[in-house]
Amino acid sequence: MTTNQPNNPLHGITLEAILNHLVKEYGWKELGLRIKIRCFTENPSIQSSLKFLRKTLWARKKVENLYLESIGYKL
């Protein structure tokens, strides 16, 4: 069963897709400067970042907000 979420701009977008977009848009170095977490600055990889972001809500929220900002969504 699918639920319609018209007020959720992240509905249907995976965390992996968000992270891939941000890495392509900014690169790991700039991403680490914008969001200061070790998984972006020390030996960064999609897999290690996903593992951390899935467990750490505050960091995930920062990543989601940067994604929304990067696509021009007004928070």
PDB file of N, CA and C in Angstrom:
ATOM      1  N   MET A   1       0.832  -1.168   0.000  1.00  0.00           N
ATOM      2  CA  MET A   1       0.000   0.000   0.000  1.00  0.00           C
ATOM      3  C   MET A   1       0.890   1.248   0.000  1.00  0.00           C
ATOM      4  N   THR A   2       0.630   2.169  -0.894  1.00  0.00           N
ATOM      5  CA  THR A   2       1.415   3.395  -1.010  1.00  0.00           C
ATOM      6  C   THR A   2       0.631   4.561  -0.423  1.00  0.00           C
ATOM      7  N   THR A   3       1.313   5.384   0.346  1.00  0.00           N
ATOM      8  CA  THR A   3       0.663   6.557   0.923  1.00  0.00           C
ATOM      9  C   THR A   3       1.134   7.797   0.171  1.00  0.00           C
ATOM     10  N   ASN A   4       0.191   8.661  -0.122  1.00  0.00           N
ATOM     11  CA  ASN A   4       0.521   9.898  -0.803  1.00  0.00           C
ATOM     12  C   ASN A   4       0.979  10.921   0.229  1.00  0.00           C
ATOM     13  N   GLN A   5       2.116  11.546  -0.007  1.00  0.00           N
ATOM     14  CA  GLN A   5       2.658  12.538   0.912  1.00  0.00           C
ATOM     15  C   GLN A   5       2.984  13.816   0.136  1.00  0.00           C
ATOM     16  N   PRO A   6       1.968  14.607  -0.198  1.00  0.00           N
ATOM     17  CA  PRO A   6       2.204  15.783  -1.038  1.00  0.00           C
ATOM     18  C   PRO A   6       3.061  16.865  -0.378  1.00  0.00           C
ATOM     19  N   ASN A   7       3.135  16.890   0.932  1.00  0.00           N
ATOM     20  CA  ASN A   7       3.911  17.917   1.637  1.00  0.00           C
ATOM     21  C   ASN A   7       5.310  17.457   2.022  1.00  0.00           C
ATOM     22  N   ASN A   8       5.712  16.299   1.559  1.00  0.00           N
ATOM     23  CA  ASN A   8       7.033  15.767   1.883  1.00  0.00           C
ATOM     24  C   ASN A   8       7.895  15.742   0.621  1.00  0.00           C
ATOM     25  N   PRO A   9       8.803  16.715   0.467  1.00  0.00           N
ATOM     26  CA  PRO A   9       9.618  16.767  -0.753  1.00  0.00           C
ATOM     27  C   PRO A   9      10.611  15.613  -0.875  1.00  0.00           C
ATOM     28  N   LEU A  10      10.842  14.883   0.203  1.00  0.00           N
ATOM     29  CA  LEU A  10      11.787  13.765   0.172  1.00  0.00           C
ATOM     30  C   LEU A  10      11.100  12.421  -0.061  1.00  0.00           C
ATOM     31  N   HIS A  11       9.780  12.425  -0.166  1.00  0.00           N
ATOM     32  CA  HIS A  11       9.037  11.178  -0.359  1.00  0.00           C
ATOM     33  C   HIS A  11       9.480  10.482  -1.644  1.00  0.00           C
ATOM     34  N   GLY A  12       9.874   9.232  -1.517  1.00  0.00           N
ATOM     35  CA  GLY A  12      10.274   8.436  -2.672  1.00  0.00           C
ATOM     36  C   GLY A  12      11.739   8.567  -3.046  1.00  0.00           C
ATOM     37  N   ILE A  13      12.494   9.382  -2.325  1.00  0.00           N
ATOM     38  CA  ILE A  13      13.923   9.551  -2.614  1.00  0.00           C
ATOM     39  C   ILE A  13      14.710   8.824  -1.529  1.00  0.00           C
ATOM     40  N   THR A  14      15.574   7.919  -1.943  1.00  0.00           N
ATOM     41  CA  THR A  14      16.342   7.148  -0.961  1.00  0.00           C
ATOM     42  C   THR A  14      17.498   7.980  -0.416  1.00  0.00           C
ATOM     43  N   LEU A  15      17.949   7.603   0.754  1.00  0.00           N
ATOM     44  CA  LEU A  15      19.109   8.254   1.355  1.00  0.00           C
ATOM     45  C   LEU A  15      20.329   8.084   0.457  1.00  0.00           C
ATOM     46  N   GLU A  16      20.448   6.942  -0.176  1.00  0.00           N
ATOM     47  CA  GLU A  16      21.577   6.709  -1.085  1.00  0.00           C
ATOM     48  C   GLU A  16      21.516   7.662  -2.279  1.00  0.00           C
ATOM     49  N   ALA A  17      20.337   7.890  -2.825  1.00  0.00           N
ATOM     50  CA  ALA A  17      20.190   8.822  -3.951  1.00  0.00           C
ATOM     51  C   ALA A  17      20.540  10.244  -3.522  1.00  0.00           C
ATOM     52  N   ILE A  18      20.116  10.618  -2.317  1.00  0.00           N
ATOM     53  CA  ILE A  18      20.436  11.946  -1.786  1.00  0.00           C
ATOM     54  C   ILE A  18      21.946  12.106  -1.649  1.00  0.00           C
ATOM     55  N   LEU A  19      22.582  11.112  -1.064  1.00  0.00           N
ATOM     56  CA  LEU A  19      24.026  11.164  -0.846  1.00  0.00           C
ATOM     57  C   LEU A  19      24.794  11.193  -2.173  1.00  0.00           C
ATOM     58  N   ASN A  20      24.382  10.378  -3.125  1.00  0.00           N
ATOM     59  CA  ASN A  20      25.028  10.385  -4.439  1.00  0.00           C
ATOM     60  C   ASN A  20      24.898  11.749  -5.114  1.00  0.00           C
ATOM     61  N   HIS A  21      23.731  12.356  -5.000  1.00  0.00           N
ATOM     62  CA  HIS A  21      23.520  13.696  -5.566  1.00  0.00           C
ATOM     63  C   HIS A  21      24.473  14.705  -4.926  1.00  0.00           C
ATOM     64  N   LEU A  22      24.577  14.673  -3.611  1.00  0.00           N
ATOM     65  CA  LEU A  22      25.420  15.632  -2.900  1.00  0.00           C
ATOM     66  C   LEU A  22      26.897  15.444  -3.223  1.00  0.00           C
ATOM     67  N   VAL A  23      27.334  14.213  -3.333  1.00  0.00           N
ATOM     68  CA  VAL A  23      28.740  13.948  -3.672  1.00  0.00           C
ATOM     69  C   VAL A  23      29.021  14.432  -5.094  1.00  0.00           C
ATOM     70  N   LYS A  24      28.089  14.210  -5.998  1.00  0.00           N
ATOM     71  CA  LYS A  24      28.266  14.671  -7.371  1.00  0.00           C
ATOM     72  C   LYS A  24      28.249  16.201  -7.437  1.00  0.00           C
ATOM     73  N   GLU A  25      27.368  16.814  -6.669  1.00  0.00           N
ATOM     74  CA  GLU A  25      27.210  18.264  -6.667  1.00  0.00           C
ATOM     75  C   GLU A  25      28.395  18.983  -6.007  1.00  0.00           C
ATOM     76  N   TYR A  26      28.835  18.477  -4.838  1.00  0.00           N
ATOM     77  CA  TYR A  26      29.839  19.190  -4.046  1.00  0.00           C
ATOM     78  C   TYR A  26      31.187  18.484  -3.954  1.00  0.00           C
ATOM     79  N   GLY A  27      31.205  17.172  -4.053  1.00  0.00           N
ATOM     80  CA  GLY A  27      32.427  16.404  -3.811  1.00  0.00           C
ATOM     81  C   GLY A  27      32.584  16.163  -2.305  1.00  0.00           C
ATOM     82  N   TRP A  28      33.391  15.184  -1.950  1.00  0.00           N
ATOM     83  CA  TRP A  28      33.541  14.820  -0.540  1.00  0.00           C
ATOM     84  C   TRP A  28      34.145  15.950   0.285  1.00  0.00           C
ATOM     85  N   LYS A  29      35.146  16.636  -0.276  1.00  0.00           N
ATOM     86  CA  LYS A  29      35.829  17.682   0.494  1.00  0.00           C
ATOM     87  C   LYS A  29      34.861  18.803   0.875  1.00  0.00           C
ATOM     88  N   GLU A  30      34.129  19.325  -0.099  1.00  0.00           N
ATOM     89  CA  GLU A  30      33.170  20.399   0.171  1.00  0.00           C
ATOM     90  C   GLU A  30      32.040  19.908   1.074  1.00  0.00           C
ATOM     91  N   LEU A  31      31.612  18.680   0.875  1.00  0.00           N
ATOM     92  CA  LEU A  31      30.560  18.102   1.722  1.00  0.00           C
ATOM     93  C   LEU A  31      31.018  18.045   3.174  1.00  0.00           C
ATOM     94  N   GLY A  32      32.283  17.685   3.378  1.00  0.00           N
ATOM     95  CA  GLY A  32      32.854  17.641   4.721  1.00  0.00           C
ATOM     96  C   GLY A  32      32.980  19.016   5.350  1.00  0.00           C
ATOM     97  N   LEU A  33      33.166  20.037   4.524  1.00  0.00           N
ATOM     98  CA  LEU A  33      33.227  21.409   5.044  1.00  0.00           C
ATOM     99  C   LEU A  33      31.836  21.923   5.406  1.00  0.00           C
ATOM    100  N   ARG A  34      30.844  21.548   4.617  1.00  0.00           N
ATOM    101  CA  ARG A  34      29.472  22.011   4.859  1.00  0.00           C
ATOM    102  C   ARG A  34      28.810  21.291   6.024  1.00  0.00           C
ATOM    103  N   ILE A  35      29.078  19.985   6.132  1.00  0.00           N
ATOM    104  CA  ILE A  35      28.529  19.182   7.230  1.00  0.00           C
ATOM    105  C   ILE A  35      29.708  18.478   7.874  1.00  0.00           C
ATOM    106  N   LYS A  36      30.082  18.928   9.043  1.00  0.00           N
ATOM    107  CA  LYS A  36      31.300  18.444   9.688  1.00  0.00           C
ATOM    108  C   LYS A  36      31.056  17.124  10.433  1.00  0.00           C
ATOM    109  N   ILE A  37      31.131  16.036   9.659  1.00  0.00           N
ATOM    110  CA  ILE A  37      31.066  14.701  10.254  1.00  0.00           C
ATOM    111  C   ILE A  37      32.191  13.866   9.639  1.00  0.00           C
ATOM    112  N   ARG A  38      32.767  12.997  10.440  1.00  0.00           N
ATOM    113  CA  ARG A  38      33.958  12.248  10.029  1.00  0.00           C
ATOM    114  C   ARG A  38      33.741  11.362   8.817  1.00  0.00           C
ATOM    115  N   CYS A  39      32.531  10.848   8.643  1.00  0.00           N
ATOM    116  CA  CYS A  39      32.324   9.953   7.505  1.00  0.00           C
ATOM    117  C   CYS A  39      32.439  10.699   6.174  1.00  0.00           C
ATOM    118  N   PHE A  40      32.454  12.043   6.200  1.00  0.00           N
ATOM    119  CA  PHE A  40      32.656  12.834   4.997  1.00  0.00           C
ATOM    120  C   PHE A  40      34.095  13.327   4.862  1.00  0.00           C
ATOM    121  N   THR A  41      34.854  13.296   5.943  1.00  0.00           N
ATOM    122  CA  THR A  41      36.194  13.874   5.905  1.00  0.00           C
ATOM    123  C   THR A  41      37.321  12.850   5.989  1.00  0.00           C
ATOM    124  N   GLU A  42      37.067  11.721   6.598  1.00  0.00           N
ATOM    125  CA  GLU A  42      38.115  10.704   6.764  1.00  0.00           C
ATOM    126  C   GLU A  42      37.731   9.424   6.042  1.00  0.00           C
ATOM    127  N   ASN A  43      38.445   9.119   4.973  1.00  0.00           N
ATOM    128  CA  ASN A  43      38.168   7.932   4.178  1.00  0.00           C
ATOM    129  C   ASN A  43      36.699   7.837   3.771  1.00  0.00           C
ATOM    130  N   PRO A  44      36.159   8.848   3.126  1.00  0.00           N
ATOM    131  CA  PRO A  44      34.730   8.855   2.821  1.00  0.00           C
ATOM    132  C   PRO A  44      34.332   7.820   1.772  1.00  0.00           C
ATOM    133  N   SER A  45      33.182   7.231   1.978  1.00  0.00           N
ATOM    134  CA  SER A  45      32.595   6.327   0.987  1.00  0.00           C
ATOM    135  C   SER A  45      31.080   6.377   1.159  1.00  0.00           C
ATOM    136  N   ILE A  46      30.392   6.016   0.118  1.00  0.00           N
ATOM    137  CA  ILE A  46      28.932   6.001   0.171  1.00  0.00           C
ATOM    138  C   ILE A  46      28.471   5.014   1.244  1.00  0.00           C
ATOM    139  N   GLN A  47      29.041   3.826   1.248  1.00  0.00           N
ATOM    140  CA  GLN A  47      28.608   2.783   2.192  1.00  0.00           C
ATOM    141  C   GLN A  47      28.810   3.188   3.649  1.00  0.00           C
ATOM    142  N   SER A  48      29.985   3.707   3.990  1.00  0.00           N
ATOM    143  CA  SER A  48      30.228   4.077   5.388  1.00  0.00           C
ATOM    144  C   SER A  48      29.356   5.262   5.795  1.00  0.00           C
ATOM    145  N   SER A  49      29.143   6.181   4.866  1.00  0.00           N
ATOM    146  CA  SER A  49      28.293   7.327   5.164  1.00  0.00           C
ATOM    147  C   SER A  49      26.843   6.895   5.367  1.00  0.00           C
ATOM    148  N   LEU A  50      26.353   5.989   4.532  1.00  0.00           N
ATOM    149  CA  LEU A  50      24.988   5.490   4.685  1.00  0.00           C
ATOM    150  C   LEU A  50      24.803   4.801   6.035  1.00  0.00           C
ATOM    151  N   LYS A  51      25.776   3.998   6.408  1.00  0.00           N
ATOM    152  CA  LYS A  51      25.706   3.286   7.689  1.00  0.00           C
ATOM    153  C   LYS A  51      25.592   4.282   8.847  1.00  0.00           C
ATOM    154  N   PHE A  52      26.412   5.324   8.819  1.00  0.00           N
ATOM    155  CA  PHE A  52      26.379   6.334   9.873  1.00  0.00           C
ATOM    156  C   PHE A  52      25.080   7.130   9.845  1.00  0.00           C
ATOM    157  N   LEU A  53      24.677   7.582   8.670  1.00  0.00           N
ATOM    158  CA  LEU A  53      23.488   8.435   8.559  1.00  0.00           C
ATOM    159  C   LEU A  53      22.196   7.694   8.929  1.00  0.00           C
ATOM    160  N   ARG A  54      22.158   6.405   8.685  1.00  0.00           N
ATOM    161  CA  ARG A  54      20.956   5.624   9.045  1.00  0.00           C
ATOM    162  C   ARG A  54      20.803   5.493  10.561  1.00  0.00           C
ATOM    163  N   LYS A  55      21.924   5.597  11.279  1.00  0.00           N
ATOM    164  CA  LYS A  55      21.870   5.469  12.745  1.00  0.00           C
ATOM    165  C   LYS A  55      21.831   6.806  13.466  1.00  0.00           C
ATOM    166  N   THR A  56      22.171   7.900  12.773  1.00  0.00           N
ATOM    167  CA  THR A  56      22.354   9.187  13.430  1.00  0.00           C
ATOM    168  C   THR A  56      21.384  10.211  12.848  1.00  0.00           C
ATOM    169  N   LEU A  57      20.283  10.423  13.546  1.00  0.00           N
ATOM    170  CA  LEU A  57      19.200  11.257  13.035  1.00  0.00           C
ATOM    171  C   LEU A  57      19.610  12.707  12.790  1.00  0.00           C
ATOM    172  N   TRP A  58      20.397  13.305  13.702  1.00  0.00           N
ATOM    173  CA  TRP A  58      20.761  14.713  13.530  1.00  0.00           C
ATOM    174  C   TRP A  58      21.596  14.918  12.272  1.00  0.00           C
ATOM    175  N   ALA A  59      22.484  13.970  11.983  1.00  0.00           N
ATOM    176  CA  ALA A  59      23.336  14.079  10.797  1.00  0.00           C
ATOM    177  C   ALA A  59      22.510  13.856   9.526  1.00  0.00           C
ATOM    178  N   ARG A  60      21.602  12.910   9.581  1.00  0.00           N
ATOM    179  CA  ARG A  60      20.735  12.649   8.433  1.00  0.00           C
ATOM    180  C   ARG A  60      19.903  13.885   8.099  1.00  0.00           C
ATOM    181  N   LYS A  61      19.398  14.564   9.120  1.00  0.00           N
ATOM    182  CA  LYS A  61      18.585  15.761   8.922  1.00  0.00           C
ATOM    183  C   LYS A  61      19.407  16.850   8.227  1.00  0.00           C
ATOM    184  N   LYS A  62      20.667  17.011   8.624  1.00  0.00           N
ATOM    185  CA  LYS A  62      21.544  18.001   7.990  1.00  0.00           C
ATOM    186  C   LYS A  62      21.769  17.655   6.517  1.00  0.00           C
ATOM    187  N   VAL A  63      21.958  16.389   6.228  1.00  0.00           N
ATOM    188  CA  VAL A  63      22.165  15.938   4.854  1.00  0.00           C
ATOM    189  C   VAL A  63      20.901  16.176   4.024  1.00  0.00           C
ATOM    190  N   GLU A  64      19.752  15.845   4.584  1.00  0.00           N
ATOM    191  CA  GLU A  64      18.488  16.056   3.878  1.00  0.00           C
ATOM    192  C   GLU A  64      18.250  17.541   3.617  1.00  0.00           C
ATOM    193  N   ASN A  65      18.560  18.391   4.591  1.00  0.00           N
ATOM    194  CA  ASN A  65      18.376  19.830   4.411  1.00  0.00           C
ATOM    195  C   ASN A  65      19.318  20.390   3.343  1.00  0.00           C
ATOM    196  N   LEU A  66      20.563  19.915   3.320  1.00  0.00           N
ATOM    197  CA  LEU A  66      21.502  20.355   2.292  1.00  0.00           C
ATOM    198  C   LEU A  66      21.021  19.908   0.914  1.00  0.00           C
ATOM    199  N   TYR A  67      20.488  18.712   0.820  1.00  0.00           N
ATOM    200  CA  TYR A  67      19.946  18.217  -0.435  1.00  0.00           C
ATOM    201  C   TYR A  67      18.806  19.116  -0.923  1.00  0.00           C
ATOM    202  N   LEU A  68      17.881  19.411  -0.025  1.00  0.00           N
ATOM    203  CA  LEU A  68      16.744  20.263  -0.400  1.00  0.00           C
ATOM    204  C   LEU A  68      17.227  21.638  -0.855  1.00  0.00           C
ATOM    205  N   GLU A  69      18.211  22.171  -0.158  1.00  0.00           N
ATOM    206  CA  GLU A  69      18.791  23.462  -0.526  1.00  0.00           C
ATOM    207  C   GLU A  69      19.445  23.382  -1.902  1.00  0.00           C
ATOM    208  N   SER A  70      20.129  22.271  -2.175  1.00  0.00           N
ATOM    209  CA  SER A  70      20.855  22.126  -3.443  1.00  0.00           C
ATOM    210  C   SER A  70      19.928  21.992  -4.645  1.00  0.00           C
ATOM    211  N   ILE A  71      18.685  21.537  -4.409  1.00  0.00           N
ATOM    212  CA  ILE A  71      17.737  21.425  -5.523  1.00  0.00           C
ATOM    213  C   ILE A  71      16.810  22.626  -5.601  1.00  0.00           C
ATOM    214  N   GLY A  72      17.065  23.615  -4.729  1.00  0.00           N
ATOM    215  CA  GLY A  72      16.311  24.853  -4.781  1.00  0.00           C
ATOM    216  C   GLY A  72      15.001  24.850  -4.018  1.00  0.00           C
ATOM    217  N   TYR A  73      14.831  23.880  -3.130  1.00  0.00           N
ATOM    218  CA  TYR A  73      13.615  23.825  -2.318  1.00  0.00           C
ATOM    219  C   TYR A  73      13.739  24.784  -1.155  1.00  0.00           C
ATOM    220  N   LYS A  74      12.729  25.603  -0.944  1.00  0.00           N
ATOM    221  CA  LYS A  74      12.743  26.583   0.154  1.00  0.00           C
ATOM    222  C   LYS A  74      12.270  25.895   1.430  1.00  0.00           C
ATOM    223  N   LEU A  75      13.132  25.917   2.445  1.00  0.00           N
ATOM    224  CA  LEU A  75      12.789  25.302   3.740  1.00  0.00           C
ATOM    225  C   LEU A  75      11.880  26.176   4.546  1.00  0.00           C
TER     226      LEU A  75
END
